[in-house]
C-alpha atoms as a PDB file:
ATOM      1  CA  MET A   1     120.625 262.481 176.633  1.00  0.00           C
ATOM      2  CA  THR A   2     119.586 259.801 174.118  1.00  0.00           C
ATOM      3  CA  GLU A   3     116.971 257.042 174.187  1.00  0.00           C
ATOM      4  CA  ASP A   4     119.784 254.529 174.744  1.00  0.00           C
ATOM      5  CA  ASP A   5     120.935 256.179 177.975  1.00  0.00           C
ATOM      6  CA  LEU A   6     119.880 254.543 181.243  1.00  0.00           C
ATOM      7  CA  ASN A   7     119.052 256.346 184.508  1.00  0.00           C
ATOM      8  CA  ALA A   8     121.105 259.236 183.116  1.00  0.00           C
ATOM      9  CA  ASP A   9     119.179 262.181 184.586  1.00  0.00           C
ATOM     10  CA  PHE A  10     121.466 263.144 187.470  1.00  0.00           C
ATOM     11  CA  ASP A  11     118.843 265.523 188.880  1.00  0.00           C
ATOM     12  CA  ARG A  12     116.498 262.623 189.702  1.00  0.00           C
ATOM     13  CA  ARG A  13     116.461 259.962 192.418  1.00  0.00           C
ATOM     14  CA  PHE A  14     116.784 256.381 191.178  1.00  0.00           C
ATOM     15  CA  VAL A  15     116.397 253.104 193.067  1.00  0.00           C
ATOM     16  CA  VAL A  16     117.284 249.810 191.339  1.00  0.00           C
ATOM     17  CA  GLU A  17     116.805 246.390 192.981  1.00  0.00           C
ATOM     18  CA  THR A  18     119.551 244.486 191.191  1.00  0.00           C
ATOM     19  CA  GLU A  19     118.577 241.116 192.702  1.00  0.00           C
ATOM     20  CA  GLN A  20     115.391 241.288 190.609  1.00  0.00           C
ATOM     21  CA  MET A  21     117.201 242.052 187.329  1.00  0.00           C
ATOM     22  CA  PRO A  22     118.102 239.394 184.747  1.00  0.00           C
ATOM     23  CA  TRP A  23     121.739 238.920 183.772  1.00  0.00           C
ATOM     24  CA  GLN A  24     122.653 240.115 180.271  1.00  0.00           C
ATOM     25  CA  ARG A  25     125.558 238.954 178.136  1.00  0.00           C
ATOM     26  CA  SER A  26     128.647 241.119 177.770  1.00  0.00           C
ATOM     27  CA  PRO A  27     131.028 240.998 174.771  1.00  0.00           C
ATOM     28  CA  SER A  28     132.557 237.953 176.486  1.00  0.00           C
ATOM     29  CA  PRO A  29     130.165 234.958 176.407  1.00  0.00           C
ATOM     30  CA  SER A  30     131.174 233.912 179.929  1.00  0.00           C
ATOM     31  CA  VAL A  31     130.846 237.364 181.551  1.00  0.00           C
ATOM     32  CA  TRP A  32     127.416 238.724 182.455  1.00  0.00           C
ATOM     33  CA  ARG A  33     126.212 242.116 183.627  1.00  0.00           C
ATOM     34  CA  LYS A  34     123.369 244.152 185.069  1.00  0.00           C
ATOM     35  CA  ARG A  35     123.645 247.780 184.020  1.00  0.00           C
ATOM     36  CA  LEU A  36     122.490 250.309 186.598  1.00  0.00           C
ATOM     37  CA  ASP A  37     123.165 253.488 184.662  1.00  0.00           C
ATOM     38  CA  ARG A  38     124.724 254.394 181.330  1.00  0.00           C
ATOM     39  CA  LEU A  39     125.507 257.676 179.622  1.00  0.00           C
ATOM     40  CA  GLY A  40     126.958 257.394 176.115  1.00  0.00           C
ATOM     41  CA  GLY A  41     127.846 254.454 173.879  1.00  0.00           C
ATOM     42  CA  ALA A  42     126.764 250.894 174.576  1.00  0.00           C
ATOM     43  CA  GLU A  43     130.335 249.649 175.063  1.00  0.00           C
ATOM     44  CA  ASN A  44     132.313 252.861 175.587  1.00  0.00           C
ATOM     45  CA  GLY A  45     130.051 255.110 177.647  1.00  0.00           C
ATOM     46  CA  ARG A  46     129.992 256.109 181.294  1.00  0.00           C
ATOM     47  CA  VAL A  47     128.447 253.089 183.026  1.00  0.00           C
ATOM     48  CA  THR A  48     127.814 251.490 186.427  1.00  0.00           C
ATOM     49  CA  SER A  49     127.183 247.728 186.484  1.00  0.00           C
ATOM     50  CA  ILE A  50     127.086 244.552 188.504  1.00  0.00           C
ATOM     51  CA  VAL A  51     129.317 242.095 186.620  1.00  0.00           C
ATOM     52  CA  ARG A  52     129.507 238.307 186.999  1.00  0.00           C
ATOM     53  CA  TYR A  53     132.382 236.165 185.734  1.00  0.00           C
ATOM     54  CA  ASP A  54     131.607 232.483 185.256  1.00  0.00           C
ATOM     55  CA  PRO A  55     134.379 230.104 186.441  1.00  0.00           C
ATOM     56  CA  GLY A  56     137.279 230.382 184.011  1.00  0.00           C
ATOM     57  CA  ALA A  57     135.928 233.549 182.374  1.00  0.00           C
ATOM     58  CA  GLY A  58     138.079 236.435 181.232  1.00  0.00           C
ATOM     59  CA  PHE A  59     138.682 239.261 178.788  1.00  0.00           C
ATOM     60  CA  PRO A  60     141.683 239.821 176.524  1.00  0.00           C
ATOM     61  CA  PRO A  61     144.050 242.615 177.618  1.00  0.00           C
ATOM     62  CA  HIS A  62     142.521 246.074 177.137  1.00  0.00           C
ATOM     63  CA  GLU A  63     142.884 249.683 178.301  1.00  0.00           C
ATOM     64  CA  HIS A  64     140.503 251.767 180.382  1.00  0.00           C
ATOM     65  CA  PRO A  65     140.204 255.318 179.069  1.00  0.00           C
ATOM     66  CA  ARG A  66     138.897 257.542 181.872  1.00  0.00           C
ATOM     67  CA  GLY A  67     139.633 254.838 184.450  1.00  0.00           C
ATOM     68  CA  GLU A  68     137.830 251.988 186.172  1.00  0.00           C
ATOM     69  CA  GLU A  69     136.545 251.301 189.702  1.00  0.00           C
ATOM     70  CA  ILE A  70     135.946 247.779 191.043  1.00  0.00           C
ATOM     71  CA  LEU A  71     134.660 246.395 194.333  1.00  0.00           C
ATOM     72  CA  VAL A  72     134.830 242.581 194.530  1.00  0.00           C
ATOM     73  CA  LEU A  73     131.527 241.381 196.022  1.00  0.00           C
ATOM     74  CA  GLU A  74     131.929 237.595 195.714  1.00  0.00           C
ATOM     75  CA  GLY A  75     134.583 235.112 194.592  1.00  0.00           C
ATOM     76  CA  THR A  76     138.066 235.938 193.310  1.00  0.00           C
ATOM     77  CA  PHE A  77     138.944 238.438 190.578  1.00  0.00           C
ATOM     78  CA  SER A  78     142.369 238.252 188.924  1.00  0.00           C
ATOM     79  CA  ASP A  79     144.603 240.199 186.584  1.00  0.00           C
ATOM     80  CA  GLU A  80     148.353 240.597 186.039  1.00  0.00           C
ATOM     81  CA  ARG A  81     148.743 242.059 189.534  1.00  0.00           C
ATOM     82  CA  GLY A  82     147.366 239.042 191.392  1.00  0.00           C
ATOM     83  CA  ASP A  83     144.215 237.446 192.805  1.00  0.00           C
ATOM     84  CA  PHE A  84     141.708 239.602 194.694  1.00  0.00           C
ATOM     85  CA  THR A  85     139.023 238.172 196.948  1.00  0.00           C
ATOM     86  CA  ALA A  86     135.702 239.602 198.138  1.00  0.00           C
ATOM     87  CA  GLY A  87     136.201 242.931 199.873  1.00  0.00           C
ATOM     88  CA  THR A  88     138.984 244.128 197.563  1.00  0.00           C
ATOM     89  CA  TYR A  89     138.550 247.662 196.233  1.00  0.00           C
ATOM     90  CA  MET A  90     140.497 249.140 193.317  1.00  0.00           C
ATOM     91  CA  LEU A  91     140.514 252.369 191.364  1.00  0.00           C
ATOM     92  CA  ASN A  92     142.510 251.972 188.166  1.00  0.00           C
ATOM     93  CA  PRO A  93     143.492 255.361 186.697  1.00  0.00           C
ATOM     94  CA  GLU A  94     143.046 256.668 183.174  1.00  0.00           C
ATOM     95  CA  GLY A  95     144.911 254.540 180.633  1.00  0.00           C
ATOM     96  CA  PHE A  96     145.269 251.507 182.928  1.00  0.00           C
ATOM     97  CA  ALA A  97     145.501 248.210 180.993  1.00  0.00           C
ATOM     98  CA  HIS A  98     144.953 244.625 182.136  1.00  0.00           C
ATOM     99  CA  GLY A  99     143.588 241.220 181.131  1.00  0.00           C
ATOM    100  CA  PRO A 100     140.990 240.396 183.823  1.00  0.00           C
ATOM    101  CA  SER A 101     139.837 236.866 184.608  1.00  0.00           C
ATOM    102  CA  SER A 102     138.415 234.669 187.344  1.00  0.00           C
ATOM    103  CA  ALA A 103     139.285 230.999 187.862  1.00  0.00           C
ATOM    104  CA  PRO A 104     136.516 230.257 190.426  1.00  0.00           C
ATOM    105  CA  GLY A 105     134.102 232.966 189.219  1.00  0.00           C
ATOM    106  CA  CYS A 106     133.260 236.281 190.881  1.00  0.00           C
ATOM    107  CA  VAL A 107     130.735 239.099 191.164  1.00  0.00           C
ATOM    108  CA  LEU A 108     131.885 242.723 190.943  1.00  0.00           C
ATOM    109  CA  PHE A 109     130.504 246.238 191.355  1.00  0.00           C
ATOM    110  CA  VAL A 110     132.091 248.161 188.462  1.00  0.00           C
ATOM    111  CA  LYS A 111     132.244 251.765 187.265  1.00  0.00           C
ATOM    112  CA  LEU A 112     133.774 252.639 183.882  1.00  0.00           C
ATOM    113  CA  GLN A 113     134.664 255.938 182.183  1.00  0.00           C
ATOM    114  CA  GLN A 114     134.156 258.004 185.351  1.00  0.00           C
ATOM    115  CA  TYR A 115     137.700 258.796 186.549  1.00  0.00           C
ATOM    116  CA  ALA A 116     139.529 260.936 184.022  1.00  0.00           C
ATOM    117  CA  GLY A 117     142.654 262.925 184.859  1.00  0.00           C
ATOM    118  CA  ARG A 118     145.872 262.138 186.667  1.00  0.00           C
ATOM    119  CA  ARG A 119     145.226 259.857 189.630  1.00  0.00           C
ATOM    120  CA  GLU A 120     147.132 257.422 191.775  1.00  0.00           C
ATOM    121  CA  ALA A 121     146.118 253.777 191.493  1.00  0.00           C
ATOM    122  CA  VAL A 122     144.244 252.510 194.572  1.00  0.00           C
ATOM    123  CA  LEU A 123     144.178 248.907 195.801  1.00  0.00           C
ATOM    124  CA  VAL A 124     142.609 248.234 199.214  1.00  0.00           C
ATOM    125  CA  ASP A 125     141.828 245.002 201.057  1.00  0.00           C
ATOM    126  CA  THR A 126     138.912 246.341 203.072  1.00  0.00           C
ATOM    127  CA  ASN A 127     138.923 243.226 205.271  1.00  0.00           C
ATOM    128  CA  ALA A 128     142.336 244.224 206.650  1.00  0.00           C
ATOM    129  CA  GLU A 129     141.755 247.975 207.110  1.00  0.00           C
ATOM    130  CA  HIS A 130     140.925 249.883 210.292  1.00  0.00           C
ATOM    131  CA  TRP A 131     137.413 251.358 210.330  1.00  0.00           C
ATOM    132  CA  SER A 132     136.767 254.799 211.829  1.00  0.00           C
ATOM    133  CA  GLU A 133     133.930 255.796 214.091  1.00  0.00           C
ATOM    134  CA  THR A 134     131.533 258.442 212.817  1.00  0.00           C
ATOM    135  CA  PRO A 135     129.592 260.977 214.909  1.00  0.00           C
ATOM    136  CA  SER A 136     126.616 258.583 214.705  1.00  0.00           C
ATOM    137  CA  THR A 137     126.726 255.800 217.307  1.00  0.00           C
ATOM    138  CA  GLY A 138     126.906 252.390 215.679  1.00  0.00           C
ATOM    139  CA  VAL A 139     128.014 253.682 212.277  1.00  0.00           C
ATOM    140  CA  GLU A 140     131.610 253.173 211.087  1.00  0.00           C
ATOM    141  CA  SER A 141     133.329 254.421 207.939  1.00  0.00           C
ATOM    142  CA  LEU A 142     136.225 253.187 205.788  1.00  0.00           C
ATOM    143  CA  LEU A 143     137.654 255.649 203.282  1.00  0.00           C
ATOM    144  CA  LEU A 144     138.353 254.130 199.864  1.00  0.00           C
ATOM    145  CA  TYR A 145     139.287 257.167 197.764  1.00  0.00           C
ATOM    146  CA  ALA A 146     139.592 260.928 198.140  1.00  0.00           C
ATOM    147  CA  SER A 147     141.785 263.458 196.356  1.00  0.00           C
ATOM    148  CA  PRO A 148     141.993 267.260 196.566  1.00  0.00           C
ATOM    149  CA  ASP A 149     142.298 267.301 192.766  1.00  0.00           C
ATOM    150  CA  HIS A 150     139.042 265.444 192.034  1.00  0.00           C
ATOM    151  CA  PRO A 151     135.434 265.946 193.167  1.00  0.00           C
ATOM    152  CA  GLU A 152     134.360 262.455 194.240  1.00  0.00           C
ATOM    153  CA  ARG A 153     134.894 260.628 197.510  1.00  0.00           C
ATOM    154  CA  MET A 154     134.233 256.904 197.982  1.00  0.00           C
ATOM    155  CA  HIS A 155     133.886 255.017 201.245  1.00  0.00           C
ATOM    156  CA  LEU A 156     132.208 252.061 202.927  1.00  0.00           C
ATOM    157  CA  LEU A 157     129.697 252.562 205.734  1.00  0.00           C
ATOM    158  CA  ARG A 158     128.888 249.873 208.294  1.00  0.00           C
ATOM    159  CA  PHE A 159     125.719 250.173 210.403  1.00  0.00           C
ATOM    160  CA  SER A 160     125.256 247.998 213.468  1.00  0.00           C
ATOM    161  CA  ALA A 161     121.713 246.761 214.161  1.00  0.00           C
ATOM    162  CA  GLY A 162     119.519 249.665 215.236  1.00  0.00           C
ATOM    163  CA  ALA A 163     121.989 252.388 214.212  1.00  0.00           C
ATOM    164  CA  THR A 164     120.658 255.673 212.847  1.00  0.00           C
ATOM    165  CA  MET A 165     122.112 258.830 211.332  1.00  0.00           C
ATOM    166  CA  PRO A 166     120.598 262.295 211.652  1.00  0.00           C
ATOM    167  CA  GLU A 167     119.066 263.997 208.639  1.00  0.00           C
ATOM    168  CA  THR A 168     121.796 264.312 206.045  1.00  0.00           C
ATOM    169  CA  VAL A 169     121.856 266.839 203.208  1.00  0.00           C
ATOM    170  CA  LEU A 170     123.782 265.797 200.090  1.00  0.00           C
ATOM    171  CA  PRO A 171     124.837 269.000 198.286  1.00  0.00           C
ATOM    172  CA  GLN A 172     126.940 266.978 195.801  1.00  0.00           C
ATOM    173  CA  GLY A 173     124.583 264.012 195.511  1.00  0.00           C
ATOM    174  CA  SER A 174     125.481 260.417 196.326  1.00  0.00           C
ATOM    175  CA  GLU A 175     125.351 256.840 195.065  1.00  0.00           C
ATOM    176  CA  ILE A 176     124.776 253.951 197.459  1.00  0.00           C
ATOM    177  CA  TYR A 177     124.998 250.203 196.914  1.00  0.00           C
ATOM    178  CA  VAL A 178     123.776 247.864 199.664  1.00  0.00           C
ATOM    179  CA  ILE A 179     126.388 245.116 199.975  1.00  0.00           C
ATOM    180  CA  GLU A 180     124.890 243.351 202.984  1.00  0.00           C
ATOM    181  CA  GLY A 181     121.852 243.723 205.220  1.00  0.00           C
ATOM    182  CA  ARG A 182     119.074 246.273 204.839  1.00  0.00           C
ATOM    183  CA  LEU A 183     119.095 250.088 204.824  1.00  0.00           C
ATOM    184  CA  GLU A 184     116.077 252.264 205.529  1.00  0.00           C
ATOM    185  CA  ASP A 185     115.207 255.947 205.366  1.00  0.00           C
ATOM    186  CA  GLU A 186     111.996 257.959 205.260  1.00  0.00           C
ATOM    187  CA  HIS A 187     111.680 257.244 201.525  1.00  0.00           C
ATOM    188  CA  GLY A 188     111.860 253.450 201.596  1.00  0.00           C
ATOM    189  CA  THR A 189     113.611 250.202 202.531  1.00  0.00           C
ATOM    190  CA  TYR A 190     116.582 248.901 200.546  1.00  0.00           C
ATOM    191  CA  SER A 191     117.706 245.288 200.748  1.00  0.00           C
ATOM    192  CA  LYS A 192     120.975 243.653 199.705  1.00  0.00           C
ATOM    193  CA  GLY A 193     121.783 244.439 196.085  1.00  0.00           C
ATOM    194  CA  THR A 194     119.861 247.718 195.949  1.00  0.00           C
ATOM    195  CA  TRP A 195     121.540 250.633 194.136  1.00  0.00           C
ATOM    196  CA  LEU A 196     120.459 254.205 194.784  1.00  0.00           C
ATOM    197  CA  ARG A 197     121.462 257.455 193.155  1.00  0.00           C
ATOM    198  CA  LEU A 198     120.434 260.492 195.154  1.00  0.00           C
ATOM    199  CA  PRO A 199     120.558 263.875 193.380  1.00  0.00           C
ATOM    200  CA  ARG A 200     122.308 267.016 194.539  1.00  0.00           C
ATOM    201  CA  GLY A 201     120.465 268.542 197.485  1.00  0.00           C
ATOM    202  CA  HIS A 202     118.700 265.308 198.466  1.00  0.00           C
ATOM    203  CA  GLU A 203     117.881 264.937 202.180  1.00  0.00           C
ATOM    204  CA  HIS A 204     117.357 261.722 204.100  1.00  0.00           C
ATOM    205  CA  SER A 205     117.885 260.088 207.503  1.00  0.00           C
ATOM    206  CA  PRO A 206     119.514 256.671 206.976  1.00  0.00           C
ATOM    207  CA  ARG A 207     119.073 253.883 209.518  1.00  0.00           C
ATOM    208  CA  SER A 208     119.254 250.099 209.717  1.00  0.00           C
ATOM    209  CA  ALA A 209     117.224 247.844 211.991  1.00  0.00           C
ATOM    210  CA  THR A 210     119.221 244.752 210.996  1.00  0.00           C
ATOM    211  CA  GLY A 211     122.641 246.263 210.333  1.00  0.00           C
ATOM    212  CA  CYS A 212     124.095 246.748 206.865  1.00  0.00           C
ATOM    213  CA  LEU A 213     127.226 247.356 204.824  1.00  0.00           C
ATOM    214  CA  LEU A 214     127.148 250.039 202.129  1.00  0.00           C
ATOM    215  CA  TYR A 215     129.360 251.373 199.352  1.00  0.00           C
ATOM    216  CA  ALA A 216     128.845 255.133 199.048  1.00  0.00           C
ATOM    217  CA  LYS A 217     130.156 257.606 196.501  1.00  0.00           C
ATOM    218  CA  VAL A 218     129.703 261.327 197.104  1.00  0.00           C
ATOM    219  CA  GLY A 219     129.999 263.819 194.243  1.00  0.00           C
ATOM    220  CA  GLY A 220     131.436 263.353 190.779  1.00  0.00           C
ATOM    221  CA  PHE A 221     128.120 263.614 188.937  1.00  0.00           C
ATOM    222  CA  PRO A 222     128.315 265.087 185.420  1.00  0.00           C
ATOM    223  CA  ARG A 223     126.656 268.451 185.045  1.00  0.00           C
ATOM    224  CA  ARG A 224     124.322 269.257 182.150  1.00  0.00           C
ATOM    225  CA  ASP A 225     123.632 272.523 180.435  1.00  0.00           C
ATOM    226  CA  ARG A 226     119.990 273.506 180.677  1.00  0.00           C
ATOM    227  CA  GLY A 227     119.936 275.807 177.689  1.00  0.00           C
END
């Protein structure tokens, strides 16, 4: 780990309130970002960010070594494949290339350099998918990505007002981003825009008095030698 890394100790719990963070410029003057974690180089490392495209913004065509994950939070995101509105989820595999842009502007949740290896491309309109009930009353789940060949699993969770889950142990760790509403557990309260990374073995009992919508990723954390 270097002094330039950000929230890169995967054995610690981190909570970041992104709504309180200032926007920072990206290499494109009309694209802004809030970096939540980073491991490695400033522009080529493993990174999780909230990204905002101003109206008419874009990047020139480029490749994504080790893949890219995007969840459209607001507006419309576009590339050579089409126009993707809020609620669109995509996992672009290693070596994927595109020229992204946004005519009206958009806000994205983005992960870069985290999905190496052979993978199928994923493109999901979560607004049109069927949600599944979970064992917890009032909590529904929508699977976004899972593969027997790779360790991570991504899904959305939707809590109705007053819904609770029993104590949950996370042997692989988890990341959570609050898309809408407010999530609570015995460790705190997390409003819209809050990002959490929970280390391997973390225990908590999630609930929501108001109802909420969450992105959740389980597993896929890099492991570090402790020598």
